[in-house]
PDB file of N, CA and C in Angstrom:
ATOM      1  N   MET A   1     123.302 107.060  52.436  1.00  0.00           N
ATOM      2  CA  MET A   1     123.346 105.998  53.414  1.00  0.00           C
ATOM      3  C   MET A   1     123.366 106.571  54.830  1.00  0.00           C
ATOM      4  N   LYS A   2     124.149 107.656  55.028  1.00  0.00           N
ATOM      5  CA  LYS A   2     124.210 108.281  56.347  1.00  0.00           C
ATOM      6  C   LYS A   2     122.850 108.827  56.754  1.00  0.00           C
ATOM      7  N   VAL A   3     122.106 109.372  55.814  1.00  0.00           N
ATOM      8  CA  VAL A   3     120.795 109.944  56.099  1.00  0.00           C
ATOM      9  C   VAL A   3     119.844 108.852  56.578  1.00  0.00           C
ATOM     10  N   ILE A   4     119.874 107.703  55.945  1.00  0.00           N
ATOM     11  CA  ILE A   4     119.002 106.596  56.334  1.00  0.00           C
ATOM     12  C   ILE A   4     119.344 106.133  57.744  1.00  0.00           C
ATOM     13  N   LYS A   5     120.633 105.984  58.050  1.00  0.00           N
ATOM     14  CA  LYS A   5     121.044 105.565  59.394  1.00  0.00           C
ATOM     15  C   LYS A   5     120.604 106.601  60.426  1.00  0.00           C
ATOM     16  N   HIS A   6     120.750 107.872  60.090  1.00  0.00           N
ATOM     17  CA  HIS A   6     120.354 108.952  61.004  1.00  0.00           C
ATOM     18  C   HIS A   6     118.861 108.865  61.311  1.00  0.00           C
ATOM     19  N   TRP A   7     118.028 108.669  60.282  1.00  0.00           N
ATOM     20  CA  TRP A   7     116.585 108.572  60.474  1.00  0.00           C
ATOM     21  C   TRP A   7     116.205 107.323  61.254  1.00  0.00           C
ATOM     22  N   MET A   8     116.919 106.241  61.036  1.00  0.00           N
ATOM     23  CA  MET A   8     116.633 105.004  61.766  1.00  0.00           C
ATOM     24  C   MET A   8     116.929 105.177  63.257  1.00  0.00           C
ATOM     25  N   VAL A   9     118.029 105.832  63.572  1.00  0.00           N
ATOM     26  CA  VAL A   9     118.386 106.080  64.970  1.00  0.00           C
ATOM     27  C   VAL A   9     117.359 107.008  65.616  1.00  0.00           C
ATOM     28  N   CYS A  10     116.968 108.060  64.923  1.00  0.00           N
ATOM     29  CA  CYS A  10     115.959 108.988  65.458  1.00  0.00           C
ATOM     30  C   CYS A  10     114.623 108.283  65.689  1.00  0.00           C
ATOM     31  N   ALA A  11     114.211 107.439  64.748  1.00  0.00           N
ATOM     32  CA  ALA A  11     112.946 106.718  64.888  1.00  0.00           C
ATOM     33  C   ALA A  11     113.006 105.752  66.067  1.00  0.00           C
ATOM     34  N   ALA A  12     114.125 105.076  66.246  1.00  0.00           N
ATOM     35  CA  ALA A  12     114.268 104.138  67.365  1.00  0.00           C
ATOM     36  C   ALA A  12     114.220 104.878  68.693  1.00  0.00           C
ATOM     37  N   LEU A  13     114.893 106.003  68.782  1.00  0.00           N
ATOM     38  CA  LEU A  13     114.872 106.798  70.023  1.00  0.00           C
ATOM     39  C   LEU A  13     113.471 107.324  70.313  1.00  0.00           C
ATOM     40  N   ALA A  14     112.786 107.819  69.310  1.00  0.00           N
ATOM     41  CA  ALA A  14     111.433 108.338  69.510  1.00  0.00           C
ATOM     42  C   ALA A  14     110.492 107.223  69.947  1.00  0.00           C
ATOM     43  N   GLY A  15     110.604 106.059  69.348  1.00  0.00           N
ATOM     44  CA  GLY A  15     109.765 104.923  69.729  1.00  0.00           C
ATOM     45  C   GLY A  15     110.027 104.491  71.159  1.00  0.00           C
ATOM     46  N   GLY A  16     111.283 104.485  71.567  1.00  0.00           N
ATOM     47  CA  GLY A  16     111.621 104.128  72.942  1.00  0.00           C
ATOM     48  C   GLY A  16     111.067 105.129  73.936  1.00  0.00           C
ATOM     49  N   MET A  17     111.124 106.403  73.592  1.00  0.00           N
ATOM     50  CA  MET A  17     110.596 107.438  74.489  1.00  0.00           C
ATOM     51  C   MET A  17     109.086 107.323  74.601  1.00  0.00           C
ATOM     52  N   LEU A  18     108.389 107.075  73.503  1.00  0.00           N
ATOM     53  CA  LEU A  18     106.933 106.920  73.539  1.00  0.00           C
ATOM     54  C   LEU A  18     106.532 105.699  74.357  1.00  0.00           C
ATOM     55  N   SER A  19     107.271 104.624  74.204  1.00  0.00           N
ATOM     56  CA  SER A  19     106.972 103.403  74.943  1.00  0.00           C
ATOM     57  C   SER A  19     107.155 103.625  76.436  1.00  0.00           C
ATOM     58  N   ALA A  20     108.224 104.287  76.825  1.00  0.00           N
ATOM     59  CA  ALA A  20     108.483 104.547  78.240  1.00  0.00           C
ATOM     60  C   ALA A  20     107.434 105.462  78.839  1.00  0.00           C
ATOM     61  N   SER A  21     107.004 106.485  78.101  1.00  0.00           N
ATOM     62  CA  SER A  21     106.006 107.401  78.647  1.00  0.00           C
ATOM     63  C   SER A  21     104.640 106.739  78.746  1.00  0.00           C
ATOM     64  N   ALA A  22     104.332 105.822  77.857  1.00  0.00           N
ATOM     65  CA  ALA A  22     103.040 105.128  77.910  1.00  0.00           C
ATOM     66  C   ALA A  22     102.954 104.226  79.127  1.00  0.00           C
ATOM     67  N   GLN A  23     104.078 103.698  79.587  1.00  0.00           N
ATOM     68  CA  GLN A  23     104.082 102.811  80.736  1.00  0.00           C
ATOM     69  C   GLN A  23     103.852 103.573  82.035  1.00  0.00           C
ATOM     70  N   ASN A  24     104.106 104.846  82.090  1.00  0.00           N
ATOM     71  CA  ASN A  24     103.971 105.634  83.305  1.00  0.00           C
ATOM     72  C   ASN A  24     102.588 106.241  83.466  1.00  0.00           C
ATOM     73  N   ASN A  25     101.739 106.163  82.467  1.00  0.00           N
ATOM     74  CA  ASN A  25     100.418 106.767  82.538  1.00  0.00           C
ATOM     75  C   ASN A  25      99.381 105.729  82.922  1.00  0.00           C
ATOM     76  N   PRO A  26      98.411 106.113  83.766  1.00  0.00           N
ATOM     77  CA  PRO A  26      97.349 105.165  84.095  1.00  0.00           C
ATOM     78  C   PRO A  26      96.458 104.921  82.884  1.00  0.00           C
ATOM     79  N   PRO A  27      95.678 103.852  82.916  1.00  0.00           N
ATOM     80  CA  PRO A  27      94.760 103.600  81.807  1.00  0.00           C
ATOM     81  C   PRO A  27      93.799 104.769  81.621  1.00  0.00           C
ATOM     82  N   PRO A  28      93.194 104.903  80.444  1.00  0.00           N
ATOM     83  CA  PRO A  28      92.318 106.043  80.159  1.00  0.00           C
ATOM     84  C   PRO A  28      91.131 106.184  81.112  1.00  0.00           C
ATOM     85  N   ASP A  29      90.663 105.074  81.704  1.00  0.00           N
ATOM     86  CA  ASP A  29      89.514 105.185  82.599  1.00  0.00           C
ATOM     87  C   ASP A  29      89.915 105.641  84.001  1.00  0.00           C
ATOM     88  N   GLY A  30      91.206 105.857  84.253  1.00  0.00           N
ATOM     89  CA  GLY A  30      91.669 106.391  85.535  1.00  0.00           C
ATOM     90  C   GLY A  30      91.923 105.354  86.606  1.00  0.00           C
ATOM     91  N   ARG A  31      91.590 104.093  86.340  1.00  0.00           N
ATOM     92  CA  ARG A  31      91.810 103.066  87.350  1.00  0.00           C
ATOM     93  C   ARG A  31      93.248 102.587  87.300  1.00  0.00           C
ATOM     94  N   PRO A  32      93.869 102.364  88.465  1.00  0.00           N
ATOM     95  CA  PRO A  32      95.232 101.840  88.464  1.00  0.00           C
ATOM     96  C   PRO A  32      95.251 100.396  87.972  1.00  0.00           C
ATOM     97  N   PRO A  33      96.384  99.915  87.494  1.00  0.00           N
ATOM     98  CA  PRO A  33      96.451  98.581  86.938  1.00  0.00           C
ATOM     99  C   PRO A  33      96.356  97.465  87.978  1.00  0.00           C
ATOM    100  N   GLY A  34      96.491  97.747  89.230  1.00  0.00           N
ATOM    101  CA  GLY A  34      96.422  96.724  90.259  1.00  0.00           C
ATOM    102  C   GLY A  34      96.613  97.350  91.624  1.00  0.00           C
ATOM    103  N   PRO A  35      96.669  96.516  92.676  1.00  0.00           N
ATOM    104  CA  PRO A  35      96.840  97.069  94.018  1.00  0.00           C
ATOM    105  C   PRO A  35      98.222  97.707  94.162  1.00  0.00           C
ATOM    106  N   PRO A  36      98.325  98.739  95.016  1.00  0.00           N
ATOM    107  CA  PRO A  36      99.628  99.375  95.211  1.00  0.00           C
ATOM    108  C   PRO A  36     100.604  98.416  95.901  1.00  0.00           C
ATOM    109  N   PRO A  37     101.889  98.599  95.699  1.00  0.00           N
ATOM    110  CA  PRO A  37     102.886  97.707  96.304  1.00  0.00           C
ATOM    111  C   PRO A  37     102.759  97.616  97.823  1.00  0.00           C
ATOM    112  N   GLU A  38     102.359  98.721  98.471  1.00  0.00           N
ATOM    113  CA  GLU A  38     102.214  98.714  99.927  1.00  0.00           C
ATOM    114  C   GLU A  38     101.128  97.737 100.371  1.00  0.00           C
ATOM    115  N   ALA A  39     100.041  97.649  99.594  1.00  0.00           N
ATOM    116  CA  ALA A  39      98.941  96.745  99.920  1.00  0.00           C
ATOM    117  C   ALA A  39      99.360  95.286  99.743  1.00  0.00           C
ATOM    118  N   VAL A  40     100.168  95.020  98.740  1.00  0.00           N
ATOM    119  CA  VAL A  40     100.665  93.663  98.515  1.00  0.00           C
ATOM    120  C   VAL A  40     101.658  93.289  99.610  1.00  0.00           C
ATOM    121  N   ALA A  41     102.570  94.205  99.944  1.00  0.00           N
ATOM    122  CA  ALA A  41     103.580  93.948 100.976  1.00  0.00           C
ATOM    123  C   ALA A  41     102.935  93.696 102.335  1.00  0.00           C
ATOM    124  N   ALA A  42     101.846  94.399 102.643  1.00  0.00           N
ATOM    125  CA  ALA A  42     101.179  94.238 103.933  1.00  0.00           C
ATOM    126  C   ALA A  42     100.654  92.821 104.115  1.00  0.00           C
ATOM    127  N   CYS A  43     100.318  92.131 103.035  1.00  0.00           N
ATOM    128  CA  CYS A  43      99.744  90.783 103.114  1.00  0.00           C
ATOM    129  C   CYS A  43     100.766  89.676 102.851  1.00  0.00           C
ATOM    130  N   LYS A  44     102.004  90.046 102.599  1.00  0.00           N
ATOM    131  CA  LYS A  44     103.018  89.033 102.317  1.00  0.00           C
ATOM    132  C   LYS A  44     103.161  88.100 103.517  1.00  0.00           C
ATOM    133  N   GLY A  45     103.036  86.814 103.270  1.00  0.00           N
ATOM    134  CA  GLY A  45     103.153  85.812 104.317  1.00  0.00           C
ATOM    135  C   GLY A  45     101.897  85.646 105.166  1.00  0.00           C
ATOM    136  N   LYS A  46     100.843  86.345 104.821  1.00  0.00           N
ATOM    137  CA  LYS A  46      99.581  86.281 105.571  1.00  0.00           C
ATOM    138  C   LYS A  46      98.564  85.434 104.793  1.00  0.00           C
ATOM    139  N   ALA A  47      97.503  85.037 105.499  1.00  0.00           N
ATOM    140  CA  ALA A  47      96.420  84.276 104.871  1.00  0.00           C
ATOM    141  C   ALA A  47      95.317  85.227 104.448  1.00  0.00           C
ATOM    142  N   GLU A  48      94.506  84.796 103.487  1.00  0.00           N
ATOM    143  CA  GLU A  48      93.354  85.594 103.083  1.00  0.00           C
ATOM    144  C   GLU A  48      92.444  85.771 104.296  1.00  0.00           C
ATOM    145  N   GLY A  49      91.975  86.989 104.516  1.00  0.00           N
ATOM    146  CA  GLY A  49      91.122  87.301 105.655  1.00  0.00           C
ATOM    147  C   GLY A  49      91.882  87.897 106.832  1.00  0.00           C
ATOM    148  N   ALA A  50      93.221  87.900 106.771  1.00  0.00           N
ATOM    149  CA  ALA A  50      94.024  88.472 107.863  1.00  0.00           C
ATOM    150  C   ALA A  50      93.832  89.982 107.917  1.00  0.00           C
ATOM    151  N   LYS A  51      93.782  90.531 109.130  1.00  0.00           N
ATOM    152  CA  LYS A  51      93.677  91.982 109.329  1.00  0.00           C
ATOM    153  C   LYS A  51      95.094  92.556 109.341  1.00  0.00           C
ATOM    154  N   VAL A  52      95.305  93.630 108.579  1.00  0.00           N
ATOM    155  CA  VAL A  52      96.618  94.262 108.471  1.00  0.00           C
ATOM    156  C   VAL A  52      96.473  95.782 108.470  1.00  0.00           C
ATOM    157  N   GLU A  53      97.589  96.468 108.604  1.00  0.00           N
ATOM    158  CA  GLU A  53      97.660  97.927 108.468  1.00  0.00           C
ATOM    159  C   GLU A  53      98.849  98.249 107.580  1.00  0.00           C
ATOM    160  N   PHE A  54      98.726  99.330 106.814  1.00  0.00           N
ATOM    161  CA  PHE A  54      99.850  99.816 106.011  1.00  0.00           C
ATOM    162  C   PHE A  54      99.722 101.313 105.844  1.00  0.00           C
ATOM    163  N   LYS A  55     100.789 101.945 105.398  1.00  0.00           N
ATOM    164  CA  LYS A  55     100.794 103.393 105.178  1.00  0.00           C
ATOM    165  C   LYS A  55     100.229 103.697 103.800  1.00  0.00           C
ATOM    166  N   GLY A  56      99.237 104.600 103.747  1.00  0.00           N
ATOM    167  CA  GLY A  56      98.605 104.988 102.498  1.00  0.00           C
ATOM    168  C   GLY A  56      99.404 106.035 101.750  1.00  0.00           C
ATOM    169  N   ARG A  57      98.823 106.547 100.673  1.00  0.00           N
ATOM    170  CA  ARG A  57      99.490 107.535  99.808  1.00  0.00           C
ATOM    171  C   ARG A  57      99.890 108.805 100.559  1.00  0.00           C
ATOM    172  N   ASN A  58      99.064 109.194 101.512  1.00  0.00           N
ATOM    173  CA  ASN A  58      99.344 110.432 102.257  1.00  0.00           C
ATOM    174  C   ASN A  58      99.951 110.136 103.621  1.00  0.00           C
ATOM    175  N   ASN A  59     100.628 108.981 103.737  1.00  0.00           N
ATOM    176  CA  ASN A  59     101.292 108.551 104.957  1.00  0.00           C
ATOM    177  C   ASN A  59     100.319 108.286 106.106  1.00  0.00           C
ATOM    178  N   GLU A  60      99.022 108.077 105.772  1.00  0.00           N
ATOM    179  CA  GLU A  60      98.032 107.748 106.794  1.00  0.00           C
ATOM    180  C   GLU A  60      98.035 106.235 107.017  1.00  0.00           C
ATOM    181  N   THR A  61      97.632 105.808 108.211  1.00  0.00           N
ATOM    182  CA  THR A  61      97.532 104.386 108.505  1.00  0.00           C
ATOM    183  C   THR A  61      96.217 103.860 107.937  1.00  0.00           C
ATOM    184  N   VAL A  62      96.310 102.840 107.111  1.00  0.00           N
ATOM    185  CA  VAL A  62      95.141 102.240 106.483  1.00  0.00           C
ATOM    186  C   VAL A  62      94.914 100.871 107.116  1.00  0.00           C
ATOM    187  N   LYS A  63      93.740 100.665 107.712  1.00  0.00           N
ATOM    188  CA  LYS A  63      93.364  99.360 108.246  1.00  0.00           C
ATOM    189  C   LYS A  63      92.699  98.591 107.125  1.00  0.00           C
ATOM    190  N   ALA A  64      93.106  97.323 106.966  1.00  0.00           N
ATOM    191  CA  ALA A  64      92.639  96.558 105.809  1.00  0.00           C
ATOM    192  C   ALA A  64      92.550  95.073 106.122  1.00  0.00           C
ATOM    193  N   THR A  65      91.964  94.349 105.181  1.00  0.00           N
ATOM    194  CA  THR A  65      91.850  92.895 105.233  1.00  0.00           C
ATOM    195  C   THR A  65      92.484  92.326 103.972  1.00  0.00           C
ATOM    196  N   CYS A  66      93.265  91.269 104.134  1.00  0.00           N
ATOM    197  CA  CYS A  66      93.903  90.636 102.979  1.00  0.00           C
ATOM    198  C   CYS A  66      92.863  89.878 102.163  1.00  0.00           C
ATOM    199  N   LYS A  67      92.816  90.184 100.872  1.00  0.00           N
ATOM    200  CA  LYS A  67      91.890  89.518  99.953  1.00  0.00           C
ATOM    201  C   LYS A  67      92.633  89.155  98.682  1.00  0.00           C
ATOM    202  N   LYS A  68      92.190  88.101  98.050  1.00  0.00           N
ATOM    203  CA  LYS A  68      92.757  87.660  96.780  1.00  0.00           C
ATOM    204  C   LYS A  68      92.209  88.533  95.668  1.00  0.00           C
ATOM    205  N   MET A  69      93.076  89.101  94.864  1.00  0.00           N
ATOM    206  CA  MET A  69      92.695  89.909  93.702  1.00  0.00           C
ATOM    207  C   MET A  69      93.375  89.282  92.497  1.00  0.00           C
ATOM    208  N   GLY A  70      92.657  88.425  91.811  1.00  0.00           N
ATOM    209  CA  GLY A  70      93.280  87.653  90.734  1.00  0.00           C
ATOM    210  C   GLY A  70      94.211  86.646  91.368  1.00  0.00           C
ATOM    211  N   ASP A  71      95.483  86.710  91.034  1.00  0.00           N
ATOM    212  CA  ASP A  71      96.452  85.797  91.644  1.00  0.00           C
ATOM    213  C   ASP A  71      97.297  86.497  92.704  1.00  0.00           C
ATOM    214  N   VAL A  72      96.893  87.701  93.136  1.00  0.00           N
ATOM    215  CA  VAL A  72      97.656  88.480  94.113  1.00  0.00           C
ATOM    216  C   VAL A  72      96.853  88.615  95.406  1.00  0.00           C
ATOM    217  N   LEU A  73      97.543  88.416  96.544  1.00  0.00           N
ATOM    218  CA  LEU A  73      96.934  88.664  97.839  1.00  0.00           C
ATOM    219  C   LEU A  73      97.328  90.077  98.246  1.00  0.00           C
ATOM    220  N   ALA A  74      96.343  90.942  98.465  1.00  0.00           N
ATOM    221  CA  ALA A  74      96.617  92.342  98.771  1.00  0.00           C
ATOM    222  C   ALA A  74      95.642  92.846  99.824  1.00  0.00           C
ATOM    223  N   ALA A  75      96.028  93.919 100.517  1.00  0.00           N
ATOM    224  CA  ALA A  75      95.204  94.519 101.555  1.00  0.00           C
ATOM    225  C   ALA A  75      94.078  95.338 100.928  1.00  0.00           C
ATOM    226  N   TRP A  76      92.839  95.051 101.329  1.00  0.00           N
ATOM    227  CA  TRP A  76      91.650  95.762 100.863  1.00  0.00           C
ATOM    228  C   TRP A  76      91.210  96.662 102.001  1.00  0.00           C
ATOM    229  N   PRO A  77      91.256  97.984 101.844  1.00  0.00           N
ATOM    230  CA  PRO A  77      90.931  98.908 102.933  1.00  0.00           C
ATOM    231  C   PRO A  77      89.521  98.702 103.488  1.00  0.00           C
ATOM    232  N   GLU A  78      89.401  98.840 104.799  1.00  0.00           N
ATOM    233  CA  GLU A  78      88.084  98.792 105.426  1.00  0.00           C
ATOM    234  C   GLU A  78      87.263  99.938 104.860  1.00  0.00           C
ATOM    235  N   GLY A  79      86.017  99.687 104.522  1.00  0.00           N
ATOM    236  CA  GLY A  79      85.172 100.717 103.932  1.00  0.00           C
ATOM    237  C   GLY A  79      85.331 100.822 102.427  1.00  0.00           C
ATOM    238  N   GLY A  80      86.141  99.964 101.831  1.00  0.00           N
ATOM    239  CA  GLY A  80      86.312  99.972 100.378  1.00  0.00           C
ATOM    240  C   GLY A  80      87.486 100.813  99.924  1.00  0.00           C
ATOM    241  N   LEU A  81      87.638 100.876  98.642  1.00  0.00           N
ATOM    242  CA  LEU A  81      88.739 101.632  98.044  1.00  0.00           C
ATOM    243  C   LEU A  81      88.405 103.113  97.985  1.00  0.00           C
ATOM    244  N   PRO A  82      89.429 103.968  97.981  1.00  0.00           N
ATOM    245  CA  PRO A  82      89.168 105.396  97.804  1.00  0.00           C
ATOM    246  C   PRO A  82      88.646 105.651  96.394  1.00  0.00           C
ATOM    247  N   PRO A  83      87.973 106.761  96.177  1.00  0.00           N
ATOM    248  CA  PRO A  83      87.458 107.050  94.831  1.00  0.00           C
ATOM    249  C   PRO A  83      88.613 107.219  93.839  1.00  0.00           C
ATOM    250  N   PRO A  84      88.373 106.936  92.565  1.00  0.00           N
ATOM    251  CA  PRO A  84      89.422 107.094  91.580  1.00  0.00           C
ATOM    252  C   PRO A  84      89.769 108.567  91.404  1.00  0.00           C
ATOM    253  N   PRO A  85      90.993 108.834  90.907  1.00  0.00           N
ATOM    254  CA  PRO A  85      91.374 110.233  90.673  1.00  0.00           C
ATOM    255  C   PRO A  85      90.509 110.835  89.577  1.00  0.00           C
ATOM    256  N   PRO A  86      90.336 112.156  89.572  1.00  0.00           N
ATOM    257  CA  PRO A  86      89.543 112.793  88.518  1.00  0.00           C
ATOM    258  C   PRO A  86      90.215 112.608  87.160  1.00  0.00           C
ATOM    259  N   PRO A  87      89.434 112.559  86.090  1.00  0.00           N
ATOM    260  CA  PRO A  87      90.034 112.376  84.761  1.00  0.00           C
ATOM    261  C   PRO A  87      90.908 113.557  84.383  1.00  0.00           C
ATOM    262  N   ARG A  88      91.945 113.232  83.660  1.00  0.00           N
ATOM    263  CA  ARG A  88      92.850 114.289  83.173  1.00  0.00           C
ATOM    264  C   ARG A  88      92.339 114.826  81.865  1.00  0.00           C
ATOM    265  N   ASN A  89      92.543 116.107  81.633  1.00  0.00           N
ATOM    266  CA  ASN A  89      92.144 116.723  80.358  1.00  0.00           C
ATOM    267  C   ASN A  89      93.330 116.961  79.494  1.00  0.00           C
TER     268      ASN A  89
END
């Protein structure tokens, strides 16, 4: 009985660890699941089409326009989005 309980606890812990690690990885095609929080925050309380600025990944100032992306209003960088990250091996 103790052996079964031990294996059940180990299986539950392993499943929880796998689930948590899967949530931190981007999808296999390298695209992020949605706009970054900074882009959403920049458009909070603004109308679609509003011009905004926010700090990018490398602390650079990004000039953008608020656009609807599904049900989220987020800042779309002038000149389009940066290229996706290279695929991981």
